Structures are given as C-alpha cells and as structure tokens.
Amino acid sequence: MITHIQGRLVEKNPTDVVVEASGIGYFLNISLHTYSKIPDSENVKLFTHLQVREDAHTLFGFVEKIEREVFRLLISVSGIGASTARTMLSSMSPKQVTEAIASGDVATIQSVKGIGAKTAQRVIIDLKDKILKTYDIDEVSITQNNTNKNEALSALDVLGFARKQTERVVDKIINSQPDVAVEEIIKQALKNL
C-alpha cells in the first residue's frame, strides 16, 4: 500500500495532480478541498489511497490525513463509490462531513450531487457511531450548533445574502465561539458580510 507521495508538483488541476517522485510521475485524483489546500510550491506531500479493481489501479491524493480517513469511511458504505466520496469531499470539508454524519443531518449529506435520501440515511446509520468514537465528537453540542447554524443561515437567506458566502462567515463564528446564540451569530455575520 502506498501511504504517501512526496515529490515535485508537475501539474495541478481541480480534479487531479501529477507528482514526480524519483523520476516517476504519479497521477493522483483529488477533491476540490485538497486542490484548494495544495501549496503552489514545487515540493508537495500528499497522503494516498490506492484503489485496486479488476480493470484499474486508481490513486487518490489528500493533503490531510483526516480527509483520507473520512474518504475511507465513506467508501466503506454500500452504495458510495470512490467518485461519490470524492464529490462529497469536494462539496464539503472533512469536518463538515463528519459533523453532518455525527448530527444525523440527512439534508446536508443529500445535498451532494449523486446522493439520494436512502444513501444519505445509510451513510449516517453506518458511520455515525464510528465517527462519534473516532473523532470524540459530543453529540449534544453538534446538534445545538447545527440548529443555531441552520437558524442563522435561514435568517440570512431571508435577508438576501448568498448561501455560500454566509455559510463561510457563520462557520468561522461558530468555530471561534462554539456556544454562541443564534442572535449573536446573525449580528456578527451581518458585520462581516
């Protein structure tokens, strides 16, 4: 098993990179999350997952170990293939994926292209306990933060702000102050938008 590749970044695209190590160019499939975090410097280190199938050996690259762990958890679920897991990690950060699963947020998982209601529920059923144990997430705080976050985002939507922009601002506020009230989230978000 190839655990990581360190070498010269030859090519960088939103869906893949080529890393040259010891004279060999490795083609790695990546998520948009990894793409955004890969430095433009010449030397890079990516954690990898090698998928061996009858017709292909496919190498996936991740800038962080946690992203690789979440990817491996996702592909362990029946109905979630490597491309769907990569799409999920392109749509959300690994932290958002683990929080959505830990809090049982079917709507967030279902918002990913290619995932229906049944698959989203299966992901939560199969992975919730593993994620709560592995990442030591407190279920109560996740639910409260998610509720506060959702209420704040809804209020900002009504005020006419773009969802992606408000989500980033609200996430920053919640990460810096985990026990913040909905009203305070909205006030601080309005100052930063």
Foldseek 3Di string as FASTA:
>chain_A
DQFKDKAFWDAADQQWTWGADPNDTDIAGAANVQSVVFDPDGIAMWTWDWDDDPVDIHIHTHRDPLLVVQLVLQCVFPPGHNVQSSQQCNVDPSVVVLLCLQQVPQVSSCVGPPDHSVNSNSSSVSCNVVSCVPVVDDNVLSNVLVVLLVVLLVVVVVVPDDNVLLSVQLVVVCVVPVPDGSVVSNVSSVVVD
